[in-house]
Amino acid sequence: MKKMNLTYFAILLSIFLLIVTNSNAQVGIGTTSPDPSAVLDIASTNKGMLIPRMTTVQRVAITTPASGLVVFDTTINALFYYNSSVWVNATPSVQTRTNHKIIKSAADLATELTAGGGTKYLLTTNTLYEINGAVSLAFPIELNNAYILGRDTNEDILVRAGGTIFTGTTGGSVKGITLTAPGGTVFALSGANTENLIFRDAIIANSGSVGSISGFGLIFKSVVQYVGNTTGITYSNITSLLLADLGWSDSNGGTYETYTGTFTLIQKVSGFMNANGTVVAIDVSSNPTVTNGVLLSTAFSGTSTQFINKYTVGTFAGYNFTNAWTVNCPGIPQESDNTASANIYYNGGITTGFVQTVSNGSELNLTGNSGSNTTTAVNMFRSTSPQNNRITYTGKKTRTFQINAALSVRGNSGTGDYYAFFIKKNGTTSLVETNSLMRVNNTADISSQSISGTVELAPNDYVEIWGQRLVGSGTTSITVFSLNLSIK
């Protein structure tokens, strides 16, 4: 018995000595050539390695874990390591949407139909509805500040035959889809100024009407194509209406865009409006109140007899908009304060002229005796001539004008007398830089006077031609045969 124990002890001692002897050597499992950089090299093509597995409770109960200690937490199903102070989840986090819904048919909107009382699809606020394919709707959608997204406008389509696609009082976001309402309406929205609608990268096609949107705080449409719609859209009482890169092809009919009511801002830039025959591109004939209107770089083309149904008040002959607008688009007249201009001229007989009585040193408005200087206004834009020998600027912003005037004058008496002719602003400020002098050399001679200068005019400021006798005595007179005044 003692012999067997001694033998057993010898075997254990041999194994221990072998382990100690190789404690600093590399270990390979499944390989006889472990990598030189590894203490332990495990090779396998059909098996993995299991590290300690434990619950969260067991993991956090480990006493004084070593920095770098690794375990697998079976409660969380994640790999953890200890970084000398806290346990760190080493499994990459994967974020998933909790407010995302894919819509392949109207049946996928059953919950929303119930929420809408069976008469509309009431979307869930702050939820993304991804349209996948063509979806035929039996009821209208209320956006309810949700998001509708399509991946391909050729494939992702909302269809509502004979009805309305979007209704209600709330806004939201719609992007990347085609909307079509044959015999129906795309938009029938009427919301408060706290509501916003973002609509972009989309197509509206083959609908009875694009519809109407009113009362919103912000409407932003960008990169939208309109094709084959019977008539367009009416915007009413919107705080900020922003339209960018909208394309209206000549396959549309009726009136493309109508603005009614009150707007703080309408800004329409780029894109095109191709209209033929009796089709109207933009209608402002209801005289909407617009604080700031901007219409830039939108190309108007086609055979339309009237691209713009113009304002019926507050505009000028040959133009379409009020002075609240800046318009610079190919195909329609340019309109802005920078292009304001006016011209007036004496319309009496050129061989008789009108007589102006002059006293020495007195500045006189060249209106003629008893108002005999009658002038005609031509080429007026953002300006008026409310009385003879006056041009009034009626733009919205202060700007600097070039002034030009011309006179043909004869001194009727007082040979050797000197006269000055100049421009006066608002009847009070003489623009001395515009002075033009005349000396009466012979009472039979007619002198031609040229006046030029610049002047800054605020809205409703006006300019006139005035004269003054500088040298002479008593009361004399001059005859003005022609008079012309222009600003630009």
Protein backbone atom coordinates (compact mmCIF):
# COMPACT_ATOMS: atom_id res chain seq x y z
CA MET A 1 0.00 0.00 0.00
CA LYS A 2 2.81 2.39 0.90
CA LYS A 3 4.54 1.45 -2.33
CA MET A 4 1.48 2.41 -4.37
CA ASN A 5 1.22 5.74 -2.59
CA LEU A 6 4.83 6.52 -3.29
CA THR A 7 4.29 5.68 -6.95
CA TYR A 8 1.24 7.94 -7.18
CA PHE A 9 3.16 10.75 -5.55
CA ALA A 10 5.99 10.38 -8.01
CA ILE A 11 3.61 10.68 -10.96
CA LEU A 12 2.02 13.88 -9.57
CA LEU A 13 5.43 15.35 -8.92
CA SER A 14 6.51 14.66 -12.49
CA ILE A 15 3.39 16.41 -13.89
CA PHE A 16 3.93 19.40 -11.64
CA LEU A 17 7.54 19.72 -12.66
CA LEU A 18 6.51 19.54 -16.34
CA ILE A 19 4.00 22.36 -15.88
CA VAL A 20 6.46 24.53 -14.01
CA THR A 21 9.11 23.86 -16.61
CA ASN A 22 6.76 25.04 -19.44
CA SER A 23 5.08 27.89 -17.57
CA ASN A 24 6.84 30.48 -19.69
CA ALA A 25 6.28 28.65 -22.98
CA GLN A 26 3.49 29.29 -25.56
CA VAL A 27 0.40 27.14 -25.50
CA GLY A 28 -1.34 26.04 -28.66
CA ILE A 29 -4.74 24.35 -28.73
CA GLY A 30 -5.66 22.92 -32.07
CA THR A 31 -2.32 24.03 -33.46
CA THR A 32 1.28 22.92 -32.99
CA SER A 33 2.62 26.31 -34.10
CA PRO A 34 1.10 29.02 -31.91
CA ASP A 35 1.56 32.59 -33.11
CA PRO A 36 4.80 34.05 -31.69
CA SER A 37 2.93 37.04 -30.31
CA ALA A 38 0.37 34.95 -28.41
CA VAL A 39 0.67 33.19 -25.07
CA LEU A 40 -2.36 31.15 -26.00
CA ASP A 41 -3.32 30.38 -29.60
CA ILE A 42 -6.58 28.48 -30.12
CA ALA A 43 -7.33 27.25 -33.62
CA SER A 44 -10.58 25.69 -34.83
CA THR A 45 -12.80 25.75 -37.87
CA ASN A 46 -15.91 24.31 -36.25
CA LYS A 47 -15.88 25.32 -32.60
CA GLY A 48 -15.71 28.50 -30.56
CA MET A 49 -14.41 29.50 -27.17
CA LEU A 50 -16.61 29.95 -24.12
CA ILE A 51 -15.68 32.45 -21.45
CA PRO A 52 -17.35 32.58 -18.05
CA ARG A 53 -21.10 33.17 -18.34
CA MET A 54 -23.13 34.66 -15.53
CA THR A 55 -26.10 36.87 -14.70
CA THR A 56 -25.84 40.59 -14.08
CA VAL A 57 -26.22 39.98 -10.35
CA GLN A 58 -23.36 37.49 -10.38
CA ARG A 59 -21.16 39.79 -12.47
CA VAL A 60 -21.50 42.83 -10.28
CA ALA A 61 -20.97 40.60 -7.19
CA ILE A 62 -17.42 39.72 -8.27
CA THR A 63 -15.10 40.96 -5.54
CA THR A 64 -12.31 43.30 -6.66
CA PRO A 65 -12.41 42.38 -10.35
CA ALA A 66 -9.11 42.70 -12.15
CA SER A 67 -8.75 45.34 -14.81
CA GLY A 68 -9.38 43.58 -18.13
CA LEU A 69 -11.55 40.83 -16.63
CA VAL A 70 -14.00 39.59 -19.27
CA VAL A 71 -17.34 37.82 -18.79
CA PHE A 72 -20.53 37.27 -20.75
CA ASP A 73 -23.64 38.70 -19.06
CA THR A 74 -26.53 36.30 -19.71
CA THR A 75 -29.12 38.76 -18.40
CA ILE A 76 -28.27 41.42 -20.96
CA ASN A 77 -26.78 39.02 -23.53
CA ALA A 78 -23.69 41.17 -23.88
CA LEU A 79 -19.95 40.89 -23.43
CA PHE A 80 -18.57 42.97 -20.53
CA TYR A 81 -15.05 43.88 -19.46
CA TYR A 82 -13.81 45.66 -16.36
CA ASN A 83 -11.79 48.81 -17.04
CA SER A 84 -10.32 49.18 -13.55
CA SER A 85 -13.27 51.21 -12.26
CA VAL A 86 -16.54 50.11 -13.92
CA TRP A 87 -17.97 47.31 -16.01
CA VAL A 88 -18.21 48.28 -19.70
CA ASN A 89 -20.58 46.76 -22.23
CA ALA A 90 -18.32 45.69 -25.07
CA THR A 91 -21.18 44.77 -27.41
CA PRO A 92 -21.80 47.47 -30.05
CA SER A 93 -25.15 49.15 -29.47
CA VAL A 94 -27.67 48.83 -32.28
CA GLN A 95 -30.26 51.60 -32.46
CA THR A 96 -33.63 50.60 -33.81
CA ARG A 97 -36.62 52.79 -34.59
CA THR A 98 -39.56 52.52 -32.29
CA ASN A 99 -41.61 55.02 -34.30
CA HIS A 100 -41.31 53.46 -37.74
CA LYS A 101 -44.01 51.76 -39.76
CA ILE A 102 -43.84 50.29 -43.28
CA ILE A 103 -47.00 50.75 -45.34
CA LYS A 104 -47.52 48.33 -48.21
CA SER A 105 -51.31 48.63 -48.41
CA ALA A 106 -54.17 50.49 -46.76
CA ALA A 107 -54.60 47.50 -44.46
CA ASP A 108 -51.36 48.53 -42.75
CA LEU A 109 -53.17 51.71 -41.66
CA ALA A 110 -55.94 49.88 -39.79
CA THR A 111 -54.83 51.28 -36.44
CA GLU A 112 -54.74 54.80 -37.87
CA LEU A 113 -58.22 54.35 -39.37
CA THR A 114 -59.55 53.38 -35.96
CA ALA A 115 -57.84 56.43 -34.43
CA GLY A 116 -59.53 58.57 -37.09
CA GLY A 117 -62.99 57.32 -36.19
CA GLY A 118 -63.32 55.25 -39.33
CA THR A 119 -63.45 58.32 -41.60
CA LYS A 120 -59.74 59.14 -41.98
CA TYR A 121 -56.29 57.74 -41.33
CA LEU A 122 -55.10 59.70 -38.30
CA LEU A 123 -51.34 59.21 -38.26
CA THR A 124 -49.38 58.94 -35.02
CA THR A 125 -47.42 62.08 -34.16
CA ASN A 126 -43.64 61.88 -34.63
CA THR A 127 -43.88 58.54 -36.42
CA LEU A 128 -42.24 57.72 -39.74
CA TYR A 129 -44.53 56.03 -42.26
CA GLU A 130 -42.49 54.45 -45.02
CA ILE A 131 -44.52 53.92 -48.19
CA ASN A 132 -43.49 50.73 -49.97
CA GLY A 133 -45.11 50.41 -53.39
CA ALA A 134 -48.46 51.76 -54.61
CA VAL A 135 -51.00 52.19 -51.81
CA SER A 136 -54.66 52.80 -52.67
CA LEU A 137 -56.41 54.79 -49.96
CA ALA A 138 -60.07 54.42 -49.06
CA PHE A 139 -60.03 57.46 -46.78
CA PRO A 140 -58.07 60.71 -46.46
CA ILE A 141 -54.92 61.06 -44.34
CA GLU A 142 -54.48 63.53 -41.50
CA LEU A 143 -50.75 64.02 -41.08
CA ASN A 144 -50.91 64.92 -37.38
CA ASN A 145 -47.25 66.01 -37.49
CA ALA A 146 -46.02 62.62 -38.66
CA TYR A 147 -43.57 61.86 -41.46
CA ILE A 148 -44.34 60.13 -44.75
CA LEU A 149 -41.37 58.85 -46.72
CA GLY A 150 -40.96 57.05 -50.00
CA ARG A 151 -37.75 55.61 -51.41
CA ASP A 152 -38.62 55.88 -55.12
CA THR A 153 -41.21 58.27 -56.58
CA ASN A 154 -41.74 55.88 -59.49
CA GLU A 155 -42.67 53.02 -57.17
CA ASP A 156 -43.92 54.57 -53.92
CA ILE A 157 -47.32 56.10 -54.66
CA LEU A 158 -50.36 57.19 -52.67
CA VAL A 159 -53.58 56.93 -54.70
CA ARG A 160 -57.02 58.27 -53.80
CA ALA A 161 -59.43 58.04 -56.70
CA GLY A 162 -62.30 60.51 -56.49
CA GLY A 163 -61.36 61.72 -53.01
CA THR A 164 -58.92 63.79 -50.98
CA ILE A 165 -55.47 62.51 -50.01
CA PHE A 166 -54.54 64.96 -47.22
CA THR A 167 -57.11 66.63 -45.00
CA GLY A 168 -57.40 68.19 -41.56
CA THR A 169 -55.79 70.96 -39.56
CA THR A 170 -52.30 69.60 -38.90
CA GLY A 171 -49.03 69.56 -40.77
CA GLY A 172 -46.09 67.21 -41.01
CA SER A 173 -43.54 66.09 -43.58
CA VAL A 174 -44.00 64.30 -46.92
CA LYS A 175 -41.01 63.30 -49.01
CA GLY A 176 -40.02 61.07 -51.90
CA ILE A 177 -43.43 59.87 -53.13
CA THR A 178 -45.95 60.37 -55.93
CA LEU A 179 -49.44 61.60 -55.08
CA THR A 180 -52.32 61.05 -57.45
CA ALA A 181 -56.02 61.71 -56.92
CA PRO A 182 -57.84 61.06 -60.22
CA GLY A 183 -61.04 63.06 -60.12
CA GLY A 184 -60.16 64.15 -56.59
CA THR A 185 -58.00 66.54 -54.57
CA VAL A 186 -54.51 66.17 -53.16
CA PHE A 187 -54.55 68.82 -50.40
CA ALA A 188 -57.49 70.12 -48.35
CA LEU A 189 -55.64 71.53 -45.36
CA SER A 190 -56.67 74.37 -43.09
CA GLY A 191 -54.54 74.81 -39.98
CA ALA A 192 -53.37 77.36 -37.42
CA ASN A 193 -50.22 79.43 -37.81
CA THR A 194 -48.47 77.05 -35.41
CA GLU A 195 -48.63 74.27 -38.00
CA ASN A 196 -45.94 73.58 -40.61
CA LEU A 197 -45.89 71.43 -43.74
CA ILE A 198 -42.71 70.24 -45.45
CA PHE A 199 -43.27 68.70 -48.88
CA ARG A 200 -40.31 67.88 -51.09
CA ASP A 201 -38.76 65.58 -53.70
CA ALA A 202 -42.17 64.48 -54.90
CA ILE A 203 -44.57 64.29 -57.83
CA ILE A 204 -48.22 65.31 -57.99
CA ALA A 205 -49.82 63.79 -61.05
CA ASN A 206 -53.14 63.22 -62.81
CA SER A 207 -55.34 64.69 -60.09
CA GLY A 208 -58.56 66.63 -60.42
CA SER A 209 -57.12 69.43 -58.28
CA VAL A 210 -53.89 69.96 -56.41
CA GLY A 211 -56.16 71.58 -53.81
CA SER A 212 -55.84 74.22 -51.12
CA ILE A 213 -53.74 75.01 -48.03
CA SER A 214 -54.60 77.82 -45.64
CA GLY A 215 -53.69 79.25 -42.26
CA PHE A 216 -50.34 77.50 -41.73
CA GLY A 217 -47.29 79.15 -40.21
CA LEU A 218 -44.88 77.62 -42.73
CA ILE A 219 -45.36 75.85 -46.03
CA PHE A 220 -42.10 74.69 -47.59
CA LYS A 221 -42.23 72.93 -50.95
CA SER A 222 -39.07 71.98 -52.79
CA VAL A 223 -38.28 69.97 -55.94
CA VAL A 224 -41.86 69.06 -56.83
CA GLN A 225 -43.07 68.08 -60.29
CA TYR A 226 -46.68 68.73 -61.35
CA VAL A 227 -47.98 66.69 -64.26
CA GLY A 228 -51.43 66.19 -65.76
CA ASN A 229 -53.49 67.90 -63.06
CA THR A 230 -56.80 69.48 -64.07
CA THR A 231 -56.18 72.57 -61.95
CA GLY A 232 -53.64 73.79 -59.42
CA ILE A 233 -53.51 74.93 -55.79
CA THR A 234 -54.71 77.90 -53.73
CA TYR A 235 -52.62 79.21 -50.83
CA SER A 236 -54.39 81.42 -48.29
CA ASN A 237 -53.38 83.33 -45.14
CA ILE A 238 -49.98 81.67 -44.63
CA THR A 239 -47.24 83.29 -42.58
CA SER A 240 -44.30 82.04 -44.68
CA LEU A 241 -44.81 80.35 -48.04
CA LEU A 242 -41.53 79.04 -49.44
CA LEU A 243 -41.57 77.46 -52.91
CA ALA A 244 -38.34 76.30 -54.53
CA ASP A 245 -37.66 74.42 -57.78
CA LEU A 246 -41.27 73.58 -58.61
CA GLY A 247 -41.92 72.37 -62.14
CA TRP A 248 -45.35 72.93 -63.73
CA SER A 249 -45.47 71.29 -67.14
CA ASP A 250 -47.92 72.33 -69.84
CA SER A 251 -49.89 69.10 -69.26
CA ASN A 252 -51.52 70.83 -66.29
CA GLY A 253 -54.65 72.96 -66.68
CA GLY A 254 -56.60 75.73 -64.98
CA THR A 255 -54.62 78.04 -62.70
CA TYR A 256 -51.40 76.67 -61.27
CA GLU A 257 -50.92 78.78 -58.11
CA THR A 258 -53.39 81.22 -56.54
CA TYR A 259 -52.51 83.45 -53.59
CA THR A 260 -55.31 84.91 -51.44
CA GLY A 261 -55.52 86.55 -48.03
CA THR A 262 -52.54 87.72 -45.98
CA PHE A 263 -48.90 86.58 -46.09
CA THR A 264 -45.84 87.78 -44.23
CA LEU A 265 -43.59 86.20 -46.86
CA ILE A 266 -44.06 84.58 -50.24
CA GLN A 267 -40.79 83.40 -51.74
CA LYS A 268 -40.84 81.50 -55.01
CA VAL A 269 -37.48 80.78 -56.59
CA SER A 270 -36.21 78.76 -59.53
CA GLY A 271 -38.22 76.04 -61.30
CA PHE A 272 -40.50 76.65 -64.26
CA MET A 273 -44.14 77.31 -65.18
CA ASN A 274 -45.03 76.23 -68.71
CA ALA A 275 -48.56 77.35 -69.56
CA ASN A 276 -50.50 77.39 -72.81
CA GLY A 277 -53.70 79.01 -74.06
CA THR A 278 -55.98 80.25 -71.28
CA VAL A 279 -53.99 78.54 -68.53
CA VAL A 280 -52.77 80.94 -65.81
CA ALA A 281 -49.49 80.38 -64.01
CA ILE A 282 -50.01 82.68 -60.98
CA ASP A 283 -53.20 84.43 -59.86
CA VAL A 284 -52.98 87.44 -57.52
CA SER A 285 -56.13 89.15 -58.79
CA SER A 286 -57.75 88.92 -55.34
CA ASN A 287 -55.14 91.46 -54.17
CA PRO A 288 -53.48 89.42 -51.40
CA THR A 289 -51.72 91.42 -48.68
CA VAL A 290 -48.04 90.46 -48.80
CA THR A 291 -45.44 92.05 -46.54
CA ASN A 292 -42.56 90.72 -48.63
CA GLY A 293 -42.99 88.96 -51.97
CA VAL A 294 -40.04 87.45 -53.84
CA LEU A 295 -40.38 85.84 -57.27
CA LEU A 296 -36.98 85.05 -58.75
CA SER A 297 -35.48 82.89 -61.51
CA THR A 298 -38.68 80.98 -62.27
CA ALA A 299 -38.91 80.50 -66.02
CA PHE A 300 -42.30 81.33 -67.58
CA SER A 301 -42.85 79.83 -71.02
CA GLY A 302 -45.60 78.70 -73.37
CA THR A 303 -48.41 80.36 -75.28
CA SER A 304 -50.49 81.51 -72.30
CA THR A 305 -52.42 84.69 -73.03
CA GLN A 306 -51.84 85.80 -69.44
CA PHE A 307 -49.16 84.14 -67.33
CA ILE A 308 -50.10 86.33 -64.35
CA ASN A 309 -53.62 87.31 -63.30
CA LYS A 310 -52.41 90.62 -61.91
CA TYR A 311 -53.29 92.68 -58.87
CA THR A 312 -56.29 94.85 -59.71
CA VAL A 313 -55.11 97.62 -57.37
CA GLY A 314 -51.72 98.94 -56.33
CA THR A 315 -49.81 98.16 -59.51
CA PHE A 316 -48.96 99.93 -62.75
CA ALA A 317 -49.82 99.57 -66.41
CA GLY A 318 -47.98 96.68 -68.01
CA TYR A 319 -47.00 95.17 -64.65
CA ASN A 320 -48.55 92.53 -62.40
CA PHE A 321 -47.57 93.00 -58.75
CA THR A 322 -47.57 95.65 -56.01
CA ASN A 323 -44.49 97.37 -54.62
CA ALA A 324 -44.28 94.67 -51.92
CA TRP A 325 -42.82 92.32 -54.52
CA THR A 326 -39.41 91.83 -56.10
CA VAL A 327 -39.83 90.04 -59.42
CA ASN A 328 -37.06 88.97 -61.78
CA CYS A 329 -38.04 85.99 -63.96
CA PRO A 330 -37.60 85.14 -67.64
CA GLY A 331 -40.87 85.51 -69.52
CA ILE A 332 -42.59 88.18 -67.38
CA PRO A 333 -41.77 91.86 -66.66
CA GLN A 334 -39.11 92.61 -64.08
CA GLU A 335 -40.47 94.45 -61.05
CA SER A 336 -38.50 95.88 -58.15
CA ASP A 337 -37.74 99.20 -56.49
CA ASN A 338 -34.41 99.13 -58.32
CA THR A 339 -36.23 99.44 -61.64
CA ALA A 340 -38.60 102.24 -60.58
CA SER A 341 -38.69 105.05 -63.15
CA ALA A 342 -40.78 107.96 -64.41
CA ASN A 343 -40.90 110.69 -67.05
CA ILE A 344 -43.06 113.80 -67.36
CA TYR A 345 -43.08 116.44 -70.09
CA TYR A 346 -44.82 119.71 -70.90
CA ASN A 347 -47.70 118.90 -73.21
CA GLY A 348 -48.53 122.43 -74.46
CA GLY A 349 -47.73 123.99 -77.80
CA ILE A 350 -44.00 124.03 -78.37
CA THR A 351 -44.10 127.36 -80.21
CA THR A 352 -46.09 129.12 -77.50
CA GLY A 353 -44.96 127.49 -74.27
CA PHE A 354 -46.02 128.76 -70.85
CA VAL A 355 -45.11 131.95 -69.04
CA GLN A 356 -43.56 132.08 -65.56
CA THR A 357 -43.40 135.37 -63.66
CA VAL A 358 -40.15 135.75 -61.69
CA SER A 359 -39.09 138.08 -58.86
CA ASN A 360 -35.46 138.62 -57.96
CA GLY A 361 -34.13 136.05 -55.45
CA SER A 362 -37.36 134.07 -55.18
CA GLU A 363 -37.36 130.31 -55.82
CA LEU A 364 -40.36 129.36 -57.94
CA ASN A 365 -41.92 126.03 -58.86
CA LEU A 366 -42.12 126.04 -62.65
CA THR A 367 -45.87 125.52 -62.78
CA GLY A 368 -46.48 128.53 -64.99
CA ASN A 369 -48.86 131.42 -64.41
CA SER A 370 -52.19 130.09 -63.13
CA GLY A 371 -50.87 126.55 -63.51
CA SER A 372 -50.33 126.85 -67.24
CA ASN A 373 -47.53 124.25 -67.15
CA THR A 374 -49.51 121.06 -67.74
CA THR A 375 -47.40 117.91 -67.87
CA THR A 376 -48.05 114.40 -69.08
CA ALA A 377 -46.61 111.34 -67.31
CA VAL A 378 -45.24 108.39 -69.29
CA ASN A 379 -43.29 105.23 -68.53
CA MET A 380 -44.28 105.31 -64.87
CA PHE A 381 -43.25 102.37 -62.68
CA ARG A 382 -43.48 102.57 -58.90
CA SER A 383 -43.96 106.29 -59.33
CA THR A 384 -46.79 108.73 -59.94
CA SER A 385 -47.29 112.31 -61.05
CA PRO A 386 -50.12 113.55 -58.82
CA GLN A 387 -49.81 117.11 -60.14
CA ASN A 388 -48.05 119.03 -62.90
CA ASN A 389 -44.24 119.26 -62.73
CA ARG A 390 -43.95 116.58 -60.03
CA ILE A 391 -42.75 112.99 -59.85
CA THR A 392 -43.48 111.02 -56.66
CA TYR A 393 -41.64 107.78 -55.86
CA THR A 394 -44.04 105.06 -54.66
CA GLY A 395 -41.67 102.15 -54.13
CA LYS A 396 -41.28 100.39 -50.80
CA LYS A 397 -37.60 100.96 -50.04
CA THR A 398 -35.42 104.06 -50.07
CA ARG A 399 -33.12 104.20 -53.07
CA THR A 400 -30.93 106.61 -55.05
CA PHE A 401 -32.11 107.88 -58.43
CA GLN A 402 -30.43 109.50 -61.38
CA ILE A 403 -32.31 112.68 -62.29
CA ASN A 404 -32.32 114.26 -65.73
CA ALA A 405 -34.23 117.35 -66.85
CA ALA A 406 -34.23 119.61 -69.88
CA LEU A 407 -35.73 123.06 -70.54
CA SER A 408 -36.04 125.40 -73.51
CA VAL A 409 -36.36 128.90 -72.03
CA ARG A 410 -36.50 132.51 -73.21
CA GLY A 411 -35.98 135.55 -70.97
CA ASN A 412 -38.75 138.00 -71.92
CA SER A 413 -37.00 141.04 -70.47
CA GLY A 414 -34.04 142.08 -68.38
CA THR A 415 -31.12 141.70 -70.73
CA GLY A 416 -28.11 140.70 -68.65
CA ASP A 417 -30.20 139.00 -65.96
CA TYR A 418 -29.09 135.60 -64.63
CA TYR A 419 -31.36 132.67 -63.85
CA ALA A 420 -30.75 129.33 -62.12
CA PHE A 421 -32.79 126.19 -62.77
CA PHE A 422 -32.53 123.20 -60.43
CA ILE A 423 -34.29 120.25 -58.83
CA LYS A 424 -36.04 120.58 -55.47
CA LYS A 425 -36.96 117.63 -53.25
CA ASN A 426 -40.28 117.62 -51.39
CA GLY A 427 -40.68 121.34 -52.08
CA THR A 428 -38.12 122.22 -49.42
CA THR A 429 -34.65 120.95 -50.26
CA SER A 430 -32.86 122.49 -53.24
CA LEU A 431 -30.35 120.14 -54.83
CA VAL A 432 -27.61 122.68 -55.51
CA GLU A 433 -25.58 120.08 -57.42
CA THR A 434 -28.26 120.22 -60.13
CA ASN A 435 -27.95 123.98 -60.76
CA SER A 436 -27.99 125.09 -64.40
CA LEU A 437 -27.43 128.79 -65.24
CA MET A 438 -28.85 131.02 -68.01
CA ARG A 439 -27.98 134.63 -68.92
CA VAL A 440 -30.44 136.70 -70.92
CA ASN A 441 -28.26 137.96 -73.77
CA ASN A 442 -31.12 138.82 -76.08
CA THR A 443 -34.84 138.65 -75.32
CA ALA A 444 -35.40 136.93 -78.66
CA ASP A 445 -33.01 134.05 -77.92
CA ILE A 446 -34.14 130.65 -76.60
CA SER A 447 -31.71 128.84 -74.32
CA SER A 448 -31.55 125.07 -73.83
CA GLN A 449 -30.85 124.04 -70.25
CA SER A 450 -29.72 120.58 -69.15
CA ILE A 451 -30.06 119.47 -65.53
CA SER A 452 -28.68 116.28 -64.01
CA GLY A 453 -27.83 114.86 -60.62
CA THR A 454 -28.67 112.16 -58.10
CA VAL A 455 -31.12 112.12 -55.24
CA GLU A 456 -32.10 109.69 -52.50
CA LEU A 457 -35.85 109.21 -52.32
CA ALA A 458 -37.79 107.45 -49.61
CA PRO A 459 -41.30 106.18 -50.37
CA ASN A 460 -43.62 109.11 -51.26
CA ASP A 461 -40.78 111.63 -51.65
CA TYR A 462 -41.09 113.79 -54.77
CA VAL A 463 -39.02 116.01 -57.04
CA GLU A 464 -39.88 119.07 -59.16
CA ILE A 465 -38.12 121.59 -61.45
CA TRP A 466 -37.69 125.02 -59.89
CA GLY A 467 -36.16 128.32 -61.04
CA GLN A 468 -34.70 131.47 -59.49
CA ARG A 469 -33.58 134.86 -60.82
CA LEU A 470 -30.12 135.55 -59.43
CA VAL A 471 -29.34 138.97 -60.93
CA GLY A 472 -31.89 141.57 -62.00
CA SER A 473 -34.50 143.94 -60.67
CA GLY A 474 -38.23 144.20 -60.53
CA THR A 475 -40.61 141.53 -61.78
CA THR A 476 -39.87 139.91 -65.10
CA SER A 477 -41.00 136.75 -66.84
CA ILE A 478 -39.66 133.82 -68.78
CA THR A 479 -41.34 131.60 -71.35
CA VAL A 480 -40.73 127.87 -71.15
CA PHE A 481 -41.27 126.16 -74.50
CA SER A 482 -40.39 122.64 -73.44
CA LEU A 483 -39.86 120.89 -70.11
CA ASN A 484 -38.88 117.29 -69.40
CA LEU A 485 -38.12 115.56 -66.09
CA SER A 486 -37.18 111.92 -65.59
CA ILE A 487 -35.85 109.64 -62.84
CA LYS A 488 -34.47 106.14 -63.10
